[in-house]
Protein backbone atom coordinates (compact mmCIF):
# COMPACT_ATOMS: atom_id res chain seq x y z
CA MET A 1 12.07 -50.18 82.23
CA ALA A 2 8.44 -50.40 82.90
CA ILE A 3 7.59 -49.99 79.21
CA ALA A 4 10.08 -53.05 78.50
CA ASP A 5 8.55 -55.16 81.26
CA PHE A 6 5.05 -54.34 79.98
CA ILE A 7 6.03 -55.54 76.36
CA ARG A 8 7.89 -58.63 77.70
CA SER A 9 4.75 -59.67 79.83
CA ALA A 10 2.47 -59.10 76.83
CA ARG A 11 4.68 -61.05 74.62
CA GLU A 12 4.73 -63.97 77.05
CA SER A 13 0.92 -63.67 77.47
CA PHE A 14 0.72 -63.83 73.53
CA ASN A 15 2.83 -67.08 73.66
CA VAL A 16 0.72 -68.75 76.29
CA GLY A 17 -2.26 -67.68 74.43
CA TRP A 18 -1.25 -68.97 71.20
CA LYS A 19 -0.36 -72.31 72.69
CA ILE A 20 -3.76 -72.56 74.41
CA GLU A 21 -5.79 -71.61 71.28
CA SER A 22 -3.80 -73.84 68.75
CA ASN A 23 -2.91 -77.04 70.60
CA TRP A 24 -6.34 -78.27 71.04
CA THR A 25 -5.88 -80.38 67.90
CA ASP A 26 -3.21 -81.19 65.16
CA PRO A 27 -2.04 -78.49 62.96
CA VAL A 28 -3.72 -79.42 59.69
CA LEU A 29 -7.25 -79.48 61.52
CA PHE A 30 -6.48 -76.26 63.29
CA ALA A 31 -5.46 -74.36 59.77
CA THR A 32 -8.60 -76.17 58.25
CA TYR A 33 -10.87 -74.70 60.87
CA ARG A 34 -9.34 -71.14 60.57
CA ILE A 35 -9.95 -71.38 56.87
CA VAL A 36 -13.26 -72.84 56.70
CA GLN A 37 -15.05 -71.04 59.52
CA PRO A 38 -14.93 -67.29 58.16
CA LEU A 39 -15.08 -68.64 54.58
CA ALA A 40 -18.27 -70.40 55.05
CA SER A 41 -19.87 -67.55 56.86
CA LEU A 42 -19.02 -65.18 53.86
CA LEU A 43 -20.35 -67.87 51.16
CA ILE A 44 -23.76 -68.22 52.98
CA VAL A 45 -24.27 -64.56 52.81
CA ALA A 46 -22.93 -63.90 49.29
CA PHE A 47 -24.87 -66.81 47.66
CA ILE A 48 -28.06 -65.44 49.32
CA VAL A 49 -27.43 -62.22 47.36
CA ILE A 50 -26.48 -64.06 44.11
CA ILE A 51 -29.52 -66.34 44.42
CA GLY A 52 -31.85 -63.66 45.46
CA SER A 53 -30.69 -61.17 42.75
CA GLY A 54 -31.33 -63.81 39.96
CA ALA A 55 -34.78 -64.69 41.11
CA PHE A 56 -36.13 -61.19 42.30
CA GLY A 57 -33.81 -58.73 40.73
CA PRO A 58 -33.01 -57.24 37.40
CA GLY A 59 -29.34 -58.48 37.73
CA LEU A 60 -26.32 -59.20 39.89
CA PRO A 61 -25.24 -56.38 41.98
CA LYS A 62 -21.71 -56.66 41.50
CA GLU A 63 -20.56 -53.63 43.43
CA PHE A 64 -22.58 -54.55 46.36
CA LEU A 65 -21.22 -58.06 46.24
CA ALA A 66 -17.62 -56.51 46.34
CA ARG A 67 -18.51 -54.26 49.38
CA LEU A 68 -20.21 -57.56 50.97
CA ILE A 69 -17.04 -59.58 50.43
CA VAL A 70 -14.71 -57.07 52.00
CA SER A 71 -16.96 -56.12 54.88
CA ASN A 72 -17.43 -59.81 55.92
CA ALA A 73 -13.76 -60.53 55.42
CA PHE A 74 -12.67 -57.80 57.83
CA PHE A 75 -15.49 -58.43 60.31
CA VAL A 76 -13.59 -61.70 61.22
CA TYR A 77 -11.45 -59.34 63.42
CA VAL A 78 -14.26 -58.28 65.45
CA ALA A 79 -15.79 -61.73 65.71
CA SER A 80 -12.38 -63.11 66.76
CA VAL A 81 -11.52 -60.55 69.36
CA MET A 82 -14.94 -60.39 70.84
CA THR A 83 -15.24 -64.09 71.19
CA SER A 84 -11.87 -64.66 72.55
CA MET A 85 -11.90 -61.83 74.95
CA GLY A 86 -15.60 -62.56 76.03
CA TRP A 87 -14.26 -65.99 77.32
CA LEU A 88 -11.08 -65.15 78.57
CA VAL A 89 -11.93 -64.24 82.25
CA HIS A 90 -14.13 -67.27 82.56
CA THR A 91 -11.59 -69.95 81.10
CA ASP A 92 -8.54 -68.49 83.27
CA ARG A 93 -10.71 -68.08 86.39
CA SER A 94 -12.96 -71.12 86.49
CA ARG A 95 -11.36 -73.77 83.95
CA TYR A 96 -7.62 -73.26 84.48
CA GLU A 97 -8.02 -71.60 87.86
CA VAL A 98 -4.99 -69.28 87.07
CA LEU A 99 -6.58 -65.85 87.22
CA LYS A 100 -5.74 -65.12 90.92
CA ASN A 101 -2.18 -66.19 90.22
CA ILE A 102 -1.82 -63.80 87.19
CA TYR A 103 -3.42 -61.12 89.20
CA ILE A 104 -0.85 -61.38 92.12
CA SER A 105 2.06 -61.78 89.78
CA PRO A 106 4.77 -58.89 89.12
CA GLY A 107 2.96 -58.32 85.85
CA THR A 108 -0.38 -56.61 85.39
CA LEU A 109 -3.53 -57.86 83.99
CA HIS A 110 -3.30 -55.09 81.35
CA SER A 111 -0.39 -56.74 79.61
CA TYR A 112 -1.93 -60.01 79.82
CA LEU A 113 -5.04 -58.94 78.24
CA ILE A 114 -3.30 -57.27 75.48
CA GLY A 115 -1.15 -60.34 74.79
CA ARG A 116 -4.16 -62.71 74.83
CA GLY A 117 -5.95 -60.20 72.68
CA LEU A 118 -3.28 -60.23 70.18
CA VAL A 119 -3.54 -63.89 69.64
CA SER A 120 -7.10 -63.55 68.31
CA VAL A 121 -5.87 -60.72 66.04
CA VAL A 122 -3.38 -63.08 64.36
CA ASN A 123 -5.79 -65.59 64.04
CA GLY A 124 -8.11 -63.15 62.46
CA THR A 125 -5.45 -61.86 60.13
CA ILE A 126 -4.80 -65.40 58.82
CA SER A 127 -8.73 -65.84 58.32
CA VAL A 128 -9.16 -62.37 56.69
CA LEU A 129 -6.24 -63.04 54.08
CA VAL A 130 -7.49 -66.51 53.25
CA THR A 131 -11.27 -65.43 53.01
CA LEU A 132 -10.20 -62.51 50.52
CA LEU A 133 -8.12 -64.81 48.19
CA PHE A 134 -10.70 -67.59 48.39
CA SER A 135 -13.50 -65.24 47.42
CA VAL A 136 -11.64 -63.96 44.60
CA LEU A 137 -10.81 -67.44 43.28
CA ILE A 138 -14.48 -68.67 43.79
CA PHE A 139 -16.46 -65.68 42.63
CA ASN A 140 -14.14 -64.45 39.85
CA GLY A 141 -12.10 -67.60 39.01
CA LEU A 142 -14.59 -70.55 39.30
CA LEU A 143 -18.04 -68.72 38.77
CA ASN A 144 -16.57 -65.86 36.57
CA LEU A 145 -19.02 -63.40 37.92
CA GLY A 146 -16.64 -60.33 37.21
CA ILE A 147 -16.83 -58.93 40.78
CA PRO A 148 -14.88 -55.57 40.81
CA LEU A 149 -12.50 -56.73 43.50
CA ASP A 150 -8.75 -56.57 42.69
CA LEU A 151 -6.55 -57.74 45.54
CA LEU A 152 -3.43 -56.34 43.74
CA ARG A 153 -4.89 -52.89 43.60
CA VAL A 154 -5.30 -52.31 47.30
CA ASN A 155 -4.25 -49.07 48.65
CA LEU A 156 -1.93 -50.37 51.50
CA LEU A 157 -1.23 -46.81 52.76
CA MET A 158 -5.06 -46.37 53.34
CA LEU A 159 -5.54 -49.78 54.55
CA VAL A 160 -2.68 -50.18 57.19
CA PRO A 161 -3.63 -47.12 59.46
CA ALA A 162 -7.30 -48.25 59.28
CA VAL A 163 -6.67 -51.89 60.48
CA LEU A 164 -4.24 -50.89 63.26
CA LEU A 165 -6.82 -48.33 64.64
CA GLY A 166 -9.57 -50.82 64.31
CA ILE A 167 -7.54 -53.58 66.13
CA ALA A 168 -6.85 -51.04 68.83
CA SER A 169 -10.51 -50.32 69.29
CA LEU A 170 -11.41 -53.82 69.27
CA ILE A 171 -8.99 -54.78 71.95
CA ALA A 172 -10.18 -52.01 74.16
CA ILE A 173 -13.84 -53.26 73.57
CA GLY A 174 -12.54 -56.60 74.68
CA TYR A 175 -11.38 -54.77 77.82
CA VAL A 176 -14.87 -54.00 78.60
CA LEU A 177 -16.12 -57.56 78.01
CA CYS A 178 -13.28 -58.65 80.31
CA ALA A 179 -14.46 -56.27 82.92
CA VAL A 180 -18.17 -57.50 82.76
CA SER A 181 -17.18 -61.10 83.04
CA LEU A 182 -15.00 -60.27 86.03
CA VAL A 183 -17.82 -58.97 88.23
CA SER A 184 -20.72 -60.96 86.58
CA HIS A 185 -21.60 -64.68 86.60
CA ARG A 186 -22.58 -66.99 83.82
CA MET A 187 -22.48 -64.38 81.10
CA GLU A 188 -19.58 -65.90 79.16
CA PHE A 189 -21.68 -67.94 77.06
CA ILE A 190 -23.59 -65.14 75.23
CA LEU A 191 -21.32 -62.08 75.88
CA GLY A 192 -18.90 -62.14 73.13
CA GLU A 193 -21.43 -63.35 70.44
CA SER A 194 -23.96 -61.06 71.41
CA VAL A 195 -21.89 -58.07 70.89
CA THR A 196 -20.58 -59.53 67.86
CA GLY A 197 -24.15 -59.74 66.54
CA ILE A 198 -24.75 -56.09 67.60
CA PHE A 199 -21.83 -54.96 65.79
CA PHE A 200 -22.76 -56.87 62.72
CA LEU A 201 -26.17 -55.27 62.51
CA LEU A 202 -25.07 -51.70 63.31
CA GLY A 203 -21.47 -51.58 61.88
CA GLY A 204 -22.53 -51.40 58.15
CA VAL A 205 -21.41 -54.84 57.23
CA ILE A 206 -24.27 -55.80 55.05
CA PHE A 207 -25.92 -52.59 54.40
CA PRO A 208 -24.93 -48.85 55.23
CA PRO A 209 -25.99 -47.45 58.50
CA THR A 210 -28.43 -44.98 56.68
CA ALA A 211 -30.46 -47.89 55.82
CA LEU A 212 -31.29 -48.51 59.52
CA PRO A 213 -34.11 -47.02 61.41
CA GLY A 214 -33.66 -43.40 62.47
CA TRP A 215 -33.53 -44.13 66.11
CA VAL A 216 -30.65 -46.77 65.68
CA GLN A 217 -28.45 -44.58 63.51
CA PRO A 218 -27.11 -42.61 66.21
CA ILE A 219 -25.79 -45.71 67.84
CA SER A 220 -24.10 -46.87 64.61
CA THR A 221 -22.34 -43.38 64.27
CA VAL A 222 -20.54 -43.85 67.68
CA LEU A 223 -19.16 -47.32 67.04
CA PRO A 224 -15.50 -47.45 65.83
CA ILE A 225 -16.49 -50.58 63.70
CA THR A 226 -18.36 -48.46 61.45
CA TYR A 227 -15.65 -46.19 60.45
CA PHE A 228 -13.31 -48.89 60.46
CA LEU A 229 -15.13 -51.12 57.84
CA GLU A 230 -15.79 -47.82 55.81
CA ALA A 231 -12.20 -46.92 55.64
CA VAL A 232 -11.29 -50.41 54.76
CA ARG A 233 -13.66 -50.52 52.02
CA ILE A 234 -12.45 -47.31 50.52
CA SER A 235 -8.99 -48.58 50.59
CA PHE A 236 -10.12 -51.46 48.56
CA GLY A 237 -11.77 -49.29 46.15
CA VAL A 238 -15.19 -51.01 46.38
CA GLU A 239 -16.64 -47.91 48.01
CA THR A 240 -16.38 -44.09 47.60
CA GLY A 241 -16.22 -41.62 50.40
CA PRO A 242 -14.07 -39.28 52.15
CA TYR A 243 -11.22 -41.50 53.75
CA LEU A 244 -9.50 -38.91 55.77
CA LEU A 245 -12.59 -38.10 57.47
CA ASN A 246 -13.45 -41.67 58.23
CA LEU A 247 -10.07 -42.09 59.67
CA ALA A 248 -10.27 -39.08 61.80
CA TYR A 249 -13.78 -40.36 63.15
CA LEU A 250 -11.94 -43.73 63.50
CA THR A 251 -9.07 -42.18 65.51
CA LEU A 252 -11.63 -40.29 67.94
CA ALA A 253 -13.63 -43.37 68.32
CA THR A 254 -10.72 -45.49 69.07
CA ALA A 255 -9.23 -43.09 71.69
CA ALA A 256 -12.47 -42.78 73.28
CA THR A 257 -12.85 -46.54 73.50
CA VAL A 258 -9.44 -47.11 74.97
CA ILE A 259 -9.96 -44.66 77.70
CA ALA A 260 -13.53 -45.97 78.52
CA GLY A 261 -12.23 -49.57 78.39
CA VAL A 262 -9.29 -48.91 80.72
CA LEU A 263 -11.50 -47.02 83.10
CA VAL A 264 -14.13 -49.55 83.19
CA PHE A 265 -11.72 -52.53 83.53
CA ARG A 266 -10.01 -50.83 86.53
CA ALA A 267 -13.48 -50.09 88.18
CA ALA A 268 -14.55 -53.85 87.83
CA GLU A 269 -10.93 -54.87 88.95
CA TYR A 270 -11.37 -52.78 92.08
CA ARG A 271 -14.81 -54.22 92.84
CA ALA A 272 -13.64 -57.84 92.14
CA ARG A 273 -10.78 -57.18 94.48
CA GLN A 274 -13.03 -55.81 97.16
CA LEU A 275 -15.64 -58.99 96.77
CA GLY A 276 -12.95 -61.53 96.18
CA LEU A 277 -14.10 -62.51 92.70
CA PHE A 278 -10.73 -63.33 91.37
CA ASP A 279 -11.00 -66.78 92.53
CA ARG A 280 -14.68 -67.39 92.24
CA LYS A 281 -15.62 -70.60 90.35
CA SER A 282 -18.65 -71.26 88.23
CA GLU A 283 -20.22 -74.76 88.81
CA TYR A 284 -22.65 -76.21 86.42
């Protein structure tokens, strides 16, 4: 019964979150925003590589460009979840002033956070699919660059577990961001974007973690994002490596992140309750 209530609460939270994030404009403009935003980010990086290789290099690094396309496409999940959950506490507490009502309701904040986080996952999935499709159409169709990226040959048995574990780890990290927002003040403007930037640098999106300075590499090796993107690239065939080993590391990192996220949030929840922070407003 408790599990059914949790799922029902998360489902209703998802419905609320979807309406909040999608009703700020008409459906056409909303869909255009979801398509153009991640695609523009990918095209900027990809054309820097293409132009740079033509001006300074011996030729177009097609294998590297395929790796870059897949990494940037699936990094949309990271950016979407981090940004959404980084703002969540602030908007519900200060803008809509409903966080205190949600907290004292029969449901829990945990199911609410999961439901709201899944909204960003759905938005991210749409952006990932569109980004991959348009990338192939632009680079292999319009520009005829012959990049070794075939969407019809993706190993779904390898891709699906990696994506599910990656999503679980991202929502757990989003828990930590919500915890920080709960007990902090005026960090919502930089929190999600800052964490996204760190993961972009250390998660192996552009270049492998081995290219980082030696003192930074240990940080990269404990991030679930690193193994998530590695496993995804292997499933697309744009990179070779031990898939099962990466999946095992991703499983361990996800489990550790989930435990840490729940513990950190509970500690922040206890402190916020003691200090009366659930109804604190930010005035600018």
